[in-house]
Amino acid sequence: MKGEVLMPLFKEIYEMCKKIPKGKVATYGQIAILIGRPRCARQVGWALHGVPEEENVPCHRVVNRFGGLCKCFGFGGPEMQKQLLEAEGIHVRTDYTVDLKEYIWEN
């Protein structure tokens, strides 16, 4: 039953994340606000941690409120997230953060 309740929320999250363009990032909180659920940043993280492959969600473009990459990025850890972001032209600092002033997605 709990999964059935969360599934519509997860779909909303996935659809919003699909709108993040290459070369830009969004924060978990930003995604929550954009879907009209400003207090659901944690749920955004849960949803992105287990994205079904067929959804084709660019979850590597979502970072924390400080620009930090996910320590437990669901698809290969922070090093994989770093590689995916850098392949799109986003500079990732040695501390695994990105400059939000430069790369934040302005929806």
N, C-alpha and C. Protein backbone atom coordinates (compact mmCIF):
# COMPACT_ATOMS: atom_id res chain seq x y z
N MET A 1 0.81 -1.19 0.00
CA MET A 1 0.00 0.00 0.00
C MET A 1 0.86 1.26 0.00
N LYS A 2 1.93 1.26 0.80
CA LYS A 2 2.80 2.43 0.87
C LYS A 2 3.42 2.72 -0.50
N GLY A 3 3.86 1.71 -1.21
CA GLY A 3 4.43 1.88 -2.54
C GLY A 3 3.44 2.49 -3.52
N GLU A 4 2.16 2.10 -3.39
CA GLU A 4 1.13 2.65 -4.26
C GLU A 4 0.93 4.14 -4.02
N VAL A 5 1.08 4.57 -2.77
CA VAL A 5 0.93 5.98 -2.42
C VAL A 5 2.12 6.76 -2.95
N LEU A 6 3.31 6.21 -2.85
CA LEU A 6 4.52 6.92 -3.27
C LEU A 6 4.69 6.95 -4.78
N MET A 7 4.16 5.98 -5.48
CA MET A 7 4.40 5.90 -6.91
C MET A 7 3.99 7.16 -7.68
N PRO A 8 2.82 7.75 -7.46
CA PRO A 8 2.49 8.98 -8.17
C PRO A 8 3.49 10.11 -7.87
N LEU A 9 3.93 10.20 -6.61
CA LEU A 9 4.93 11.20 -6.25
C LEU A 9 6.24 10.94 -6.99
N PHE A 10 6.66 9.70 -7.03
CA PHE A 10 7.89 9.36 -7.74
C PHE A 10 7.79 9.71 -9.22
N LYS A 11 6.64 9.44 -9.82
CA LYS A 11 6.45 9.77 -11.25
C LYS A 11 6.58 11.28 -11.46
N GLU A 12 6.01 12.07 -10.56
CA GLU A 12 6.13 13.53 -10.65
C GLU A 12 7.60 13.95 -10.59
N ILE A 13 8.32 13.34 -9.67
CA ILE A 13 9.75 13.64 -9.51
C ILE A 13 10.51 13.28 -10.77
N TYR A 14 10.27 12.09 -11.30
CA TYR A 14 10.97 11.65 -12.51
C TYR A 14 10.70 12.60 -13.67
N GLU A 15 9.45 12.99 -13.84
CA GLU A 15 9.09 13.86 -14.97
C GLU A 15 9.76 15.23 -14.83
N MET A 16 9.84 15.76 -13.62
CA MET A 16 10.49 17.05 -13.43
C MET A 16 11.99 16.94 -13.69
N CYS A 17 12.60 15.87 -13.22
CA CYS A 17 14.04 15.69 -13.42
C CYS A 17 14.39 15.53 -14.89
N LYS A 18 13.50 14.97 -15.66
CA LYS A 18 13.73 14.82 -17.10
C LYS A 18 13.83 16.18 -17.80
N LYS A 19 13.34 17.23 -17.16
CA LYS A 19 13.38 18.57 -17.75
C LYS A 19 14.70 19.30 -17.50
N ILE A 20 15.53 18.78 -16.61
CA ILE A 20 16.81 19.43 -16.33
C ILE A 20 17.69 19.26 -17.56
N PRO A 21 18.12 20.37 -18.17
CA PRO A 21 18.92 20.25 -19.39
C PRO A 21 20.35 19.83 -19.13
N LYS A 22 20.97 19.27 -20.15
CA LYS A 22 22.39 18.93 -20.06
C LYS A 22 23.17 20.18 -19.70
N GLY A 23 24.18 20.00 -18.86
CA GLY A 23 25.01 21.12 -18.47
C GLY A 23 24.47 21.91 -17.29
N LYS A 24 23.36 21.46 -16.73
CA LYS A 24 22.75 22.12 -15.58
C LYS A 24 22.46 21.10 -14.48
N VAL A 25 22.31 21.59 -13.25
CA VAL A 25 21.93 20.73 -12.13
C VAL A 25 20.76 21.37 -11.40
N ALA A 26 20.09 20.57 -10.62
CA ALA A 26 19.03 21.04 -9.73
C ALA A 26 19.28 20.42 -8.37
N THR A 27 18.71 20.99 -7.33
CA THR A 27 18.84 20.41 -6.00
C THR A 27 17.60 19.58 -5.67
N TYR A 28 17.75 18.72 -4.69
CA TYR A 28 16.61 17.91 -4.25
C TYR A 28 15.46 18.83 -3.83
N GLY A 29 15.78 19.87 -3.06
CA GLY A 29 14.77 20.81 -2.60
C GLY A 29 14.12 21.56 -3.74
N GLN A 30 14.90 21.92 -4.73
CA GLN A 30 14.38 22.63 -5.90
C GLN A 30 13.36 21.76 -6.64
N ILE A 31 13.68 20.49 -6.81
CA ILE A 31 12.75 19.58 -7.48
C ILE A 31 11.46 19.48 -6.66
N ALA A 32 11.59 19.36 -5.34
CA ALA A 32 10.41 19.28 -4.48
C ALA A 32 9.53 20.52 -4.64
N ILE A 33 10.14 21.68 -4.67
CA ILE A 33 9.37 22.93 -4.84
C ILE A 33 8.70 22.95 -6.20
N LEU A 34 9.41 22.56 -7.23
CA LEU A 34 8.87 22.61 -8.59
C LEU A 34 7.67 21.69 -8.80
N ILE A 35 7.60 20.61 -8.03
CA ILE A 35 6.43 19.72 -8.16
C ILE A 35 5.34 20.09 -7.16
N GLY A 36 5.55 21.20 -6.45
CA GLY A 36 4.52 21.67 -5.52
C GLY A 36 4.52 20.99 -4.17
N ARG A 37 5.65 20.39 -3.81
CA ARG A 37 5.77 19.69 -2.53
C ARG A 37 7.05 20.14 -1.83
N PRO A 38 7.08 21.39 -1.37
CA PRO A 38 8.33 21.99 -0.88
C PRO A 38 8.98 21.29 0.30
N ARG A 39 8.30 20.47 1.01
CA ARG A 39 8.89 19.80 2.17
C ARG A 39 9.23 18.33 1.87
N CYS A 40 9.38 18.00 0.60
CA CYS A 40 9.61 16.61 0.21
C CYS A 40 10.98 16.37 -0.43
N ALA A 41 11.98 17.17 -0.07
CA ALA A 41 13.32 16.98 -0.66
C ALA A 41 13.85 15.57 -0.38
N ARG A 42 13.60 15.07 0.80
CA ARG A 42 14.08 13.73 1.14
C ARG A 42 13.42 12.67 0.26
N GLN A 43 12.14 12.85 -0.01
CA GLN A 43 11.44 11.91 -0.88
C GLN A 43 11.99 11.97 -2.31
N VAL A 44 12.43 13.14 -2.73
CA VAL A 44 13.08 13.26 -4.04
C VAL A 44 14.31 12.36 -4.06
N GLY A 45 15.10 12.42 -3.00
CA GLY A 45 16.27 11.56 -2.90
C GLY A 45 15.92 10.09 -2.94
N TRP A 46 14.89 9.71 -2.20
CA TRP A 46 14.46 8.30 -2.21
C TRP A 46 14.06 7.86 -3.61
N ALA A 47 13.29 8.71 -4.27
CA ALA A 47 12.82 8.37 -5.61
C ALA A 47 13.99 8.20 -6.57
N LEU A 48 14.97 9.09 -6.49
CA LEU A 48 16.08 9.04 -7.42
C LEU A 48 17.07 7.94 -7.11
N HIS A 49 17.06 7.47 -5.88
CA HIS A 49 17.98 6.39 -5.51
C HIS A 49 17.60 5.07 -6.18
N GLY A 50 16.33 4.93 -6.52
CA GLY A 50 15.90 3.67 -7.11
C GLY A 50 15.14 3.84 -8.41
N VAL A 51 15.60 4.73 -9.26
CA VAL A 51 14.91 4.98 -10.53
C VAL A 51 14.94 3.72 -11.41
N PRO A 52 13.80 3.25 -11.85
CA PRO A 52 13.81 2.14 -12.80
C PRO A 52 14.52 2.57 -14.10
N GLU A 53 15.33 1.71 -14.62
CA GLU A 53 16.13 2.02 -15.81
C GLU A 53 15.28 2.52 -16.98
N GLU A 54 14.10 1.93 -17.13
CA GLU A 54 13.26 2.30 -18.27
C GLU A 54 12.72 3.74 -18.17
N GLU A 55 12.81 4.36 -17.01
CA GLU A 55 12.36 5.74 -16.85
C GLU A 55 13.31 6.74 -17.51
N ASN A 56 14.57 6.36 -17.68
CA ASN A 56 15.56 7.21 -18.36
C ASN A 56 15.62 8.62 -17.74
N VAL A 57 15.81 8.66 -16.43
CA VAL A 57 15.86 9.92 -15.68
C VAL A 57 17.32 10.33 -15.49
N PRO A 58 17.67 11.57 -15.83
CA PRO A 58 19.05 12.02 -15.64
C PRO A 58 19.30 12.41 -14.17
N CYS A 59 19.17 11.44 -13.28
CA CYS A 59 19.26 11.73 -11.85
C CYS A 59 20.65 12.19 -11.43
N HIS A 60 21.65 11.99 -12.28
CA HIS A 60 22.99 12.47 -11.96
C HIS A 60 23.04 14.00 -11.93
N ARG A 61 22.02 14.66 -12.47
CA ARG A 61 21.96 16.12 -12.50
C ARG A 61 21.36 16.71 -11.22
N VAL A 62 21.04 15.88 -10.26
CA VAL A 62 20.46 16.38 -9.01
C VAL A 62 21.51 16.27 -7.91
N VAL A 63 21.72 17.39 -7.22
CA VAL A 63 22.73 17.50 -6.17
C VAL A 63 22.09 18.03 -4.89
N ASN A 64 22.85 18.06 -3.82
CA ASN A 64 22.28 18.58 -2.58
C ASN A 64 22.30 20.11 -2.56
N ARG A 65 21.78 20.70 -1.52
CA ARG A 65 21.62 22.16 -1.47
C ARG A 65 22.93 22.92 -1.45
N PHE A 66 24.04 22.22 -1.22
CA PHE A 66 25.35 22.84 -1.25
C PHE A 66 26.08 22.56 -2.57
N GLY A 67 25.42 21.88 -3.48
CA GLY A 67 26.05 21.50 -4.74
C GLY A 67 26.80 20.19 -4.65
N GLY A 68 26.63 19.48 -3.54
CA GLY A 68 27.36 18.23 -3.33
C GLY A 68 26.76 17.05 -4.06
N LEU A 69 27.65 16.23 -4.59
CA LEU A 69 27.22 15.00 -5.23
C LEU A 69 26.78 14.01 -4.16
N CYS A 70 25.99 13.06 -4.55
CA CYS A 70 25.47 12.07 -3.61
C CYS A 70 26.55 11.07 -3.24
N LYS A 71 26.79 10.92 -1.96
CA LYS A 71 27.79 9.96 -1.50
C LYS A 71 27.41 8.53 -1.85
N CYS A 72 26.13 8.29 -1.98
CA CYS A 72 25.68 6.92 -2.30
C CYS A 72 24.90 6.93 -3.62
N PHE A 73 25.38 7.68 -4.59
CA PHE A 73 24.72 7.74 -5.89
C PHE A 73 24.40 6.32 -6.33
N GLY A 74 23.13 6.08 -6.59
CA GLY A 74 22.62 4.74 -6.82
C GLY A 74 23.21 3.98 -8.00
N PHE A 75 23.94 4.65 -8.85
CA PHE A 75 24.41 3.99 -10.07
C PHE A 75 25.92 4.04 -10.21
N GLY A 76 26.64 3.81 -9.12
CA GLY A 76 28.08 3.74 -9.21
C GLY A 76 28.83 4.68 -8.29
N GLY A 77 28.15 5.32 -7.37
CA GLY A 77 28.81 6.19 -6.39
C GLY A 77 29.13 7.57 -6.95
N PRO A 78 29.72 8.42 -6.11
CA PRO A 78 29.98 9.80 -6.51
C PRO A 78 30.94 9.92 -7.69
N GLU A 79 31.83 8.98 -7.83
CA GLU A 79 32.77 9.04 -8.96
C GLU A 79 32.02 8.89 -10.29
N MET A 80 31.03 8.03 -10.34
CA MET A 80 30.23 7.86 -11.55
C MET A 80 29.40 9.11 -11.81
N GLN A 81 28.81 9.68 -10.76
CA GLN A 81 28.03 10.91 -10.92
C GLN A 81 28.94 12.02 -11.43
N LYS A 82 30.14 12.10 -10.90
CA LYS A 82 31.11 13.10 -11.35
C LYS A 82 31.42 12.92 -12.84
N GLN A 83 31.66 11.70 -13.25
CA GLN A 83 31.97 11.43 -14.66
C GLN A 83 30.81 11.84 -15.57
N LEU A 84 29.59 11.52 -15.16
CA LEU A 84 28.43 11.86 -15.97
C LEU A 84 28.26 13.38 -16.08
N LEU A 85 28.45 14.09 -14.98
CA LEU A 85 28.33 15.55 -15.00
C LEU A 85 29.44 16.18 -15.85
N GLU A 86 30.65 15.70 -15.67
CA GLU A 86 31.77 16.25 -16.45
C GLU A 86 31.61 15.99 -17.94
N ALA A 87 31.00 14.88 -18.30
CA ALA A 87 30.75 14.57 -19.71
C ALA A 87 29.77 15.58 -20.32
N GLU A 88 29.00 16.25 -19.47
CA GLU A 88 28.05 17.27 -19.93
C GLU A 88 28.62 18.68 -19.78
N GLY A 89 29.91 18.78 -19.42
CA GLY A 89 30.54 20.09 -19.32
C GLY A 89 30.46 20.76 -17.97
N ILE A 90 30.02 20.03 -16.96
CA ILE A 90 29.92 20.59 -15.61
C ILE A 90 31.22 20.28 -14.86
N HIS A 91 31.85 21.33 -14.36
CA HIS A 91 33.08 21.15 -13.59
C HIS A 91 32.73 20.68 -12.18
N VAL A 92 33.31 19.56 -11.77
CA VAL A 92 33.12 19.04 -10.42
C VAL A 92 34.42 19.26 -9.67
N ARG A 93 34.32 19.95 -8.55
CA ARG A 93 35.50 20.25 -7.73
C ARG A 93 36.05 18.98 -7.08
N THR A 94 37.25 19.08 -6.55
CA THR A 94 37.88 17.93 -5.92
C THR A 94 37.13 17.44 -4.69
N ASP A 95 36.30 18.31 -4.09
CA ASP A 95 35.51 17.88 -2.94
C ASP A 95 34.13 17.35 -3.36
N TYR A 96 34.00 17.06 -4.64
CA TYR A 96 32.77 16.50 -5.21
C TYR A 96 31.57 17.44 -5.05
N THR A 97 31.80 18.71 -5.32
CA THR A 97 30.72 19.70 -5.36
C THR A 97 30.77 20.42 -6.69
N VAL A 98 29.66 21.03 -7.05
CA VAL A 98 29.58 21.87 -8.24
C VAL A 98 29.19 23.28 -7.80
N ASP A 99 29.54 24.26 -8.59
CA ASP A 99 29.22 25.65 -8.31
C ASP A 99 27.77 25.90 -8.71
N LEU A 100 26.91 26.01 -7.72
CA LEU A 100 25.49 26.21 -8.02
C LEU A 100 25.23 27.54 -8.71
N LYS A 101 26.02 28.56 -8.41
CA LYS A 101 25.83 29.85 -9.07
C LYS A 101 26.02 29.73 -10.58
N GLU A 102 26.91 28.83 -10.97
CA GLU A 102 27.20 28.66 -12.39
C GLU A 102 26.29 27.63 -13.07
N TYR A 103 25.94 26.57 -12.37
CA TYR A 103 25.29 25.44 -13.03
C TYR A 103 23.83 25.19 -12.65
N ILE A 104 23.28 25.97 -11.72
CA ILE A 104 21.90 25.70 -11.30
C ILE A 104 20.92 25.92 -12.45
N TRP A 105 19.97 25.05 -12.55
CA TRP A 105 18.93 25.14 -13.57
C TRP A 105 17.91 26.17 -13.15
N GLU A 106 17.67 27.12 -14.00
CA GLU A 106 16.65 28.14 -13.76
C GLU A 106 15.43 27.76 -14.58
N ASN A 107 14.46 27.17 -13.93
CA ASN A 107 13.27 26.71 -14.63
C ASN A 107 12.32 27.87 -14.90
